[in-house]
Amino acid sequence: MDDIYMLADTIIFNRIGGNLKAARLKQNITQPSLADAADIFTFLSEEK
């Protein structure tokens, strides 16, 4: 196991992203449905 404090930020981000992707796939959640649940599209459309 790597010491998390010794890892570069990009490696940590990639690991977090991989864990999120695995959790979504395990629960059969798509990226768009996750964004809908988080209300991200509404937030992005309000910025324009």
Protein backbone atom coordinates (compact mmCIF):
# COMPACT_ATOMS: atom_id res chain seq x y z
CA MET A 1 0.00 0.00 0.00
CA ASP A 2 1.36 3.41 -0.97
CA ASP A 3 1.63 6.18 1.57
CA ILE A 4 -1.04 8.61 0.34
CA TYR A 5 0.99 11.58 1.56
CA MET A 6 3.86 10.63 -0.75
CA LEU A 7 1.73 10.39 -3.91
CA ALA A 8 1.39 13.11 -6.53
CA ASP A 9 -1.94 14.91 -6.73
CA THR A 10 -2.67 13.49 -10.18
CA ILE A 11 -2.29 9.93 -8.92
CA ILE A 12 -4.63 10.64 -6.01
CA PHE A 13 -7.18 12.21 -8.39
CA ASN A 14 -6.98 9.20 -10.70
CA ARG A 15 -7.52 6.81 -7.80
CA ILE A 16 -10.52 8.79 -6.53
CA GLY A 17 -11.96 8.89 -10.06
CA GLY A 18 -11.44 5.17 -10.44
CA ASN A 19 -13.21 4.51 -7.15
CA LEU A 20 -16.14 6.72 -8.17
CA LYS A 21 -16.40 4.99 -11.55
CA ALA A 22 -16.33 1.56 -9.91
CA ALA A 23 -19.06 2.60 -7.45
CA ARG A 24 -21.22 3.97 -10.29
CA LEU A 25 -20.80 0.80 -12.33
CA LYS A 26 -21.54 -1.39 -9.33
CA GLN A 27 -24.78 0.52 -8.71
CA ASN A 28 -25.51 0.83 -12.46
CA ILE A 29 -25.52 4.63 -12.33
CA THR A 30 -24.66 6.50 -15.52
CA GLN A 31 -22.73 9.77 -15.56
CA PRO A 32 -25.75 11.78 -16.85
CA SER A 33 -28.08 10.33 -14.20
CA LEU A 34 -25.50 11.09 -11.52
CA ALA A 35 -25.29 14.68 -12.79
CA ASP A 36 -29.09 14.94 -12.77
CA ALA A 37 -29.20 13.68 -9.20
CA ALA A 38 -26.58 16.24 -8.20
CA ASP A 39 -28.40 18.98 -10.14
CA ILE A 40 -25.20 19.81 -12.04
CA PHE A 41 -26.86 20.53 -15.39
CA THR A 42 -29.12 23.10 -13.78
CA PHE A 43 -26.13 24.81 -12.18
CA LEU A 44 -24.18 24.86 -15.45
CA SER A 45 -27.09 26.20 -17.48
CA GLU A 46 -27.61 29.05 -14.99
CA GLU A 47 -24.06 30.31 -15.58
CA LYS A 48 -24.68 31.08 -19.27
